[in-house]
């Protein structure tokens, strides 16, 4: 697999927003669960349990991302990946 940037940012305007990527991964993991949910084998049930835990962790990551947006949106509007960053070395407040 090629190692390339997948998240949207100043260097990748066409990438995924983190919250959209997390939601997509949650959806795909859920689809994998649905394929094996009725398999009573201990192996399948462990995989289901693990995948449910992964979905839970991805949901927690979504909540953290939402929290970051609340903080950043309180600073000023998001100008998008080509705009001026709200934090970091290139932000207007430095």
N, C-alpha and C. Protein backbone atom coordinates (compact mmCIF):
# COMPACT_ATOMS: atom_id res chain seq x y z
N UNK A 1 0.84 -1.18 0.00
CA UNK A 1 0.00 0.00 0.00
C UNK A 1 0.88 1.25 0.00
N UNK A 2 0.52 2.18 -0.82
CA UNK A 2 1.26 3.42 -0.94
C UNK A 2 1.06 4.28 0.31
N UNK A 3 2.13 4.86 0.81
CA UNK A 3 2.06 5.71 1.99
C UNK A 3 1.87 7.16 1.54
N UNK A 4 0.63 7.63 1.57
CA UNK A 4 0.35 9.00 1.16
C UNK A 4 -0.60 9.64 2.17
N UNK A 5 -0.64 10.93 2.18
CA UNK A 5 -1.50 11.68 3.09
C UNK A 5 -2.95 11.48 2.69
N UNK A 6 -3.80 11.18 3.68
CA UNK A 6 -5.22 10.99 3.41
C UNK A 6 -6.07 12.10 4.02
N UNK A 7 -5.56 12.80 5.02
CA UNK A 7 -6.34 13.84 5.67
C UNK A 7 -6.21 15.16 4.92
N UNK A 8 -7.30 15.92 4.90
CA UNK A 8 -7.32 17.23 4.29
C UNK A 8 -6.43 18.17 5.10
N UNK A 9 -5.71 18.99 4.40
CA UNK A 9 -4.87 19.99 5.05
C UNK A 9 -4.28 20.92 4.01
N UNK A 10 -3.38 21.77 4.45
CA UNK A 10 -2.79 22.76 3.54
C UNK A 10 -2.01 22.11 2.41
N UNK A 11 -1.48 20.91 2.65
CA UNK A 11 -0.73 20.19 1.61
C UNK A 11 -1.62 19.22 0.83
N UNK A 12 -2.83 18.99 1.28
CA UNK A 12 -3.73 18.02 0.64
C UNK A 12 -5.16 18.55 0.69
N UNK A 13 -5.48 19.43 -0.21
CA UNK A 13 -6.80 20.07 -0.21
C UNK A 13 -7.93 19.10 -0.51
N UNK A 14 -7.64 17.99 -1.15
CA UNK A 14 -8.67 17.03 -1.55
C UNK A 14 -8.77 15.84 -0.62
N UNK A 15 -8.11 15.90 0.53
CA UNK A 15 -8.14 14.79 1.47
C UNK A 15 -9.43 14.72 2.26
N UNK A 16 -9.47 13.73 3.13
CA UNK A 16 -10.64 13.52 3.99
C UNK A 16 -10.59 14.47 5.18
N UNK A 17 -11.75 14.97 5.59
CA UNK A 17 -11.86 15.59 6.91
C UNK A 17 -11.78 14.44 7.91
N UNK A 18 -11.11 14.66 9.03
CA UNK A 18 -10.91 13.58 9.99
C UNK A 18 -12.24 12.97 10.42
N UNK A 19 -13.23 13.81 10.71
CA UNK A 19 -14.51 13.29 11.19
C UNK A 19 -15.21 12.44 10.12
N UNK A 20 -15.04 12.80 8.86
CA UNK A 20 -15.63 12.01 7.77
C UNK A 20 -14.91 10.68 7.61
N UNK A 21 -13.59 10.70 7.74
CA UNK A 21 -12.82 9.46 7.64
C UNK A 21 -13.17 8.52 8.78
N UNK A 22 -13.27 9.05 9.99
CA UNK A 22 -13.63 8.22 11.14
C UNK A 22 -15.01 7.59 10.95
N UNK A 23 -15.96 8.38 10.46
CA UNK A 23 -17.31 7.86 10.21
C UNK A 23 -17.28 6.76 9.15
N UNK A 24 -16.49 6.94 8.11
CA UNK A 24 -16.39 5.94 7.04
C UNK A 24 -15.79 4.65 7.58
N UNK A 25 -14.73 4.75 8.38
CA UNK A 25 -14.10 3.56 8.94
C UNK A 25 -15.09 2.85 9.87
N UNK A 26 -15.82 3.61 10.69
CA UNK A 26 -16.83 3.00 11.56
C UNK A 26 -17.85 2.23 10.74
N UNK A 27 -18.30 2.81 9.64
CA UNK A 27 -19.28 2.17 8.78
C UNK A 27 -18.73 0.86 8.21
N UNK A 28 -17.49 0.89 7.75
CA UNK A 28 -16.91 -0.31 7.15
C UNK A 28 -16.67 -1.40 8.19
N UNK A 29 -16.26 -1.03 9.39
CA UNK A 29 -16.08 -2.01 10.45
C UNK A 29 -17.44 -2.62 10.82
N UNK A 30 -18.46 -1.79 10.87
CA UNK A 30 -19.81 -2.27 11.16
C UNK A 30 -20.27 -3.27 10.10
N UNK A 31 -19.97 -3.01 8.84
CA UNK A 31 -20.32 -3.93 7.77
C UNK A 31 -19.59 -5.27 7.93
N UNK A 32 -18.36 -5.22 8.39
CA UNK A 32 -17.61 -6.46 8.64
C UNK A 32 -18.25 -7.24 9.78
N UNK A 33 -18.70 -6.54 10.80
CA UNK A 33 -19.39 -7.20 11.91
C UNK A 33 -20.63 -7.91 11.40
N UNK A 34 -21.40 -7.24 10.56
CA UNK A 34 -22.65 -7.82 10.05
C UNK A 34 -22.42 -9.11 9.26
N UNK A 35 -21.24 -9.25 8.67
CA UNK A 35 -20.94 -10.45 7.89
C UNK A 35 -20.69 -11.67 8.76
N UNK A 36 -20.29 -11.43 10.02
CA UNK A 36 -19.93 -12.59 10.87
C UNK A 36 -20.72 -12.65 12.18
N UNK A 37 -21.65 -11.74 12.37
CA UNK A 37 -22.36 -11.64 13.64
C UNK A 37 -23.07 -12.95 14.01
N UNK A 38 -23.53 -13.69 13.05
CA UNK A 38 -24.28 -14.92 13.33
C UNK A 38 -23.40 -16.17 13.40
N UNK A 39 -22.10 -15.99 13.26
CA UNK A 39 -21.17 -17.11 13.38
C UNK A 39 -20.92 -17.33 14.88
N UNK A 40 -21.35 -18.46 15.42
CA UNK A 40 -21.22 -18.68 16.86
C UNK A 40 -19.82 -19.11 17.33
N UNK A 41 -18.89 -19.26 16.40
CA UNK A 41 -17.57 -19.72 16.80
C UNK A 41 -16.90 -18.70 17.73
N UNK A 42 -16.10 -19.17 18.66
CA UNK A 42 -15.41 -18.25 19.57
C UNK A 42 -14.54 -17.24 18.83
N UNK A 43 -13.94 -17.68 17.74
CA UNK A 43 -13.07 -16.77 16.97
C UNK A 43 -13.88 -15.62 16.38
N UNK A 44 -15.01 -15.96 15.76
CA UNK A 44 -15.85 -14.92 15.16
C UNK A 44 -16.40 -13.99 16.23
N UNK A 45 -16.81 -14.54 17.35
CA UNK A 45 -17.36 -13.70 18.40
C UNK A 45 -16.30 -12.79 19.01
N UNK A 46 -15.05 -13.25 19.08
CA UNK A 46 -13.97 -12.39 19.55
C UNK A 46 -13.73 -11.25 18.57
N UNK A 47 -13.76 -11.56 17.27
CA UNK A 47 -13.58 -10.53 16.26
C UNK A 47 -14.71 -9.51 16.34
N UNK A 48 -15.95 -9.98 16.53
CA UNK A 48 -17.09 -9.07 16.68
C UNK A 48 -16.86 -8.16 17.89
N UNK A 49 -16.49 -8.76 19.01
CA UNK A 49 -16.23 -7.99 20.24
C UNK A 49 -15.14 -6.95 20.00
N UNK A 50 -14.04 -7.38 19.37
CA UNK A 50 -12.94 -6.45 19.10
C UNK A 50 -13.39 -5.33 18.17
N UNK A 51 -14.15 -5.67 17.13
CA UNK A 51 -14.61 -4.64 16.20
C UNK A 51 -15.57 -3.66 16.86
N UNK A 52 -16.41 -4.16 17.76
CA UNK A 52 -17.29 -3.24 18.51
C UNK A 52 -16.46 -2.28 19.36
N UNK A 53 -15.38 -2.78 19.93
CA UNK A 53 -14.49 -1.92 20.71
C UNK A 53 -13.80 -0.89 19.81
N UNK A 54 -13.40 -1.31 18.62
CA UNK A 54 -12.79 -0.38 17.67
C UNK A 54 -13.78 0.73 17.32
N UNK A 55 -15.04 0.36 17.06
CA UNK A 55 -16.06 1.36 16.75
C UNK A 55 -16.23 2.33 17.92
N UNK A 56 -16.21 1.81 19.12
CA UNK A 56 -16.32 2.66 20.31
C UNK A 56 -15.16 3.66 20.38
N UNK A 57 -13.96 3.18 20.12
CA UNK A 57 -12.78 4.07 20.15
C UNK A 57 -12.84 5.11 19.03
N UNK A 58 -13.29 4.70 17.86
CA UNK A 58 -13.44 5.65 16.76
C UNK A 58 -14.48 6.72 17.11
N UNK A 59 -15.54 6.33 17.80
CA UNK A 59 -16.54 7.29 18.26
C UNK A 59 -15.94 8.28 19.25
N UNK A 60 -15.07 7.79 20.12
CA UNK A 60 -14.39 8.68 21.06
C UNK A 60 -13.49 9.66 20.29
N UNK A 61 -12.84 9.19 19.25
CA UNK A 61 -12.01 10.07 18.42
C UNK A 61 -12.87 11.13 17.73
N UNK A 62 -14.05 10.74 17.28
CA UNK A 62 -14.98 11.72 16.68
C UNK A 62 -15.36 12.80 17.69
N UNK A 63 -15.61 12.39 18.92
CA UNK A 63 -15.97 13.36 19.97
C UNK A 63 -14.83 14.33 20.24
N UNK A 64 -13.61 13.82 20.26
CA UNK A 64 -12.44 14.69 20.45
C UNK A 64 -12.31 15.67 19.29
N UNK A 65 -12.52 15.21 18.06
CA UNK A 65 -12.45 16.09 16.90
C UNK A 65 -13.52 17.17 16.98
N UNK A 66 -14.71 16.81 17.40
CA UNK A 66 -15.80 17.78 17.58
C UNK A 66 -15.40 18.83 18.60
N UNK A 67 -14.79 18.40 19.69
CA UNK A 67 -14.34 19.32 20.72
C UNK A 67 -13.31 20.30 20.16
N UNK A 68 -12.40 19.80 19.33
CA UNK A 68 -11.40 20.67 18.72
C UNK A 68 -12.06 21.71 17.82
N UNK A 69 -13.06 21.28 17.04
CA UNK A 69 -13.77 22.23 16.18
C UNK A 69 -14.47 23.32 16.98
N UNK A 70 -15.05 22.96 18.11
CA UNK A 70 -15.72 23.96 18.95
C UNK A 70 -14.72 25.02 19.40
N UNK A 71 -13.54 24.58 19.84
CA UNK A 71 -12.51 25.51 20.30
C UNK A 71 -12.03 26.38 19.14
N UNK A 72 -11.74 25.76 18.00
CA UNK A 72 -11.23 26.51 16.85
C UNK A 72 -12.27 27.46 16.27
N UNK A 73 -13.53 27.01 16.21
CA UNK A 73 -14.60 27.86 15.68
C UNK A 73 -14.84 29.07 16.57
N UNK A 74 -14.56 28.93 17.86
CA UNK A 74 -14.69 30.07 18.78
C UNK A 74 -13.62 31.12 18.51
N UNK A 75 -12.50 30.69 17.94
CA UNK A 75 -11.42 31.64 17.61
C UNK A 75 -11.81 32.49 16.41
N UNK A 76 -12.20 31.80 15.33
CA UNK A 76 -12.65 32.46 14.10
C UNK A 76 -13.11 31.40 13.12
N UNK A 77 -13.73 31.83 12.05
CA UNK A 77 -14.27 30.90 11.06
C UNK A 77 -13.17 30.10 10.38
N UNK A 78 -13.51 28.90 9.98
CA UNK A 78 -12.60 28.03 9.25
C UNK A 78 -12.53 28.50 7.81
N UNK A 79 -11.33 28.79 7.32
CA UNK A 79 -11.15 29.23 5.94
C UNK A 79 -10.88 28.07 5.00
N UNK A 80 -10.88 26.86 5.51
CA UNK A 80 -10.63 25.69 4.67
C UNK A 80 -9.15 25.41 4.53
N UNK A 81 -8.82 24.35 3.79
CA UNK A 81 -7.43 23.92 3.71
C UNK A 81 -6.50 24.93 3.03
N UNK A 82 -7.03 25.80 2.19
CA UNK A 82 -6.20 26.79 1.51
C UNK A 82 -6.12 28.10 2.29
N UNK A 83 -6.90 28.21 3.37
CA UNK A 83 -6.95 29.44 4.14
C UNK A 83 -5.84 29.55 5.18
N UNK A 84 -5.93 30.59 5.97
CA UNK A 84 -4.96 30.83 7.04
C UNK A 84 -5.28 29.92 8.21
N UNK A 85 -4.29 29.16 8.69
CA UNK A 85 -4.53 28.30 9.86
C UNK A 85 -4.93 29.11 11.09
N UNK A 86 -5.76 28.51 11.92
CA UNK A 86 -6.18 29.18 13.15
C UNK A 86 -5.21 28.95 14.29
N UNK A 87 -4.36 27.98 14.19
CA UNK A 87 -3.33 27.71 15.19
C UNK A 87 -2.05 27.31 14.47
N UNK A 88 -0.96 27.26 15.19
CA UNK A 88 0.30 26.82 14.61
C UNK A 88 1.16 27.97 14.14
N UNK A 89 2.23 27.63 13.47
CA UNK A 89 3.25 28.61 13.07
C UNK A 89 2.75 29.66 12.09
N UNK A 90 1.77 29.32 11.27
CA UNK A 90 1.31 30.28 10.25
C UNK A 90 0.02 30.98 10.63
N UNK A 91 -0.36 30.93 11.91
CA UNK A 91 -1.62 31.56 12.29
C UNK A 91 -1.41 33.06 12.47
N UNK A 92 -2.48 33.82 12.38
CA UNK A 92 -2.42 35.28 12.44
C UNK A 92 -2.11 35.80 13.83
N UNK A 93 -2.31 34.97 14.87
CA UNK A 93 -2.16 35.47 16.23
C UNK A 93 -0.72 35.50 16.70
N UNK A 94 0.22 34.95 15.93
CA UNK A 94 1.62 34.94 16.35
C UNK A 94 2.33 36.15 15.83
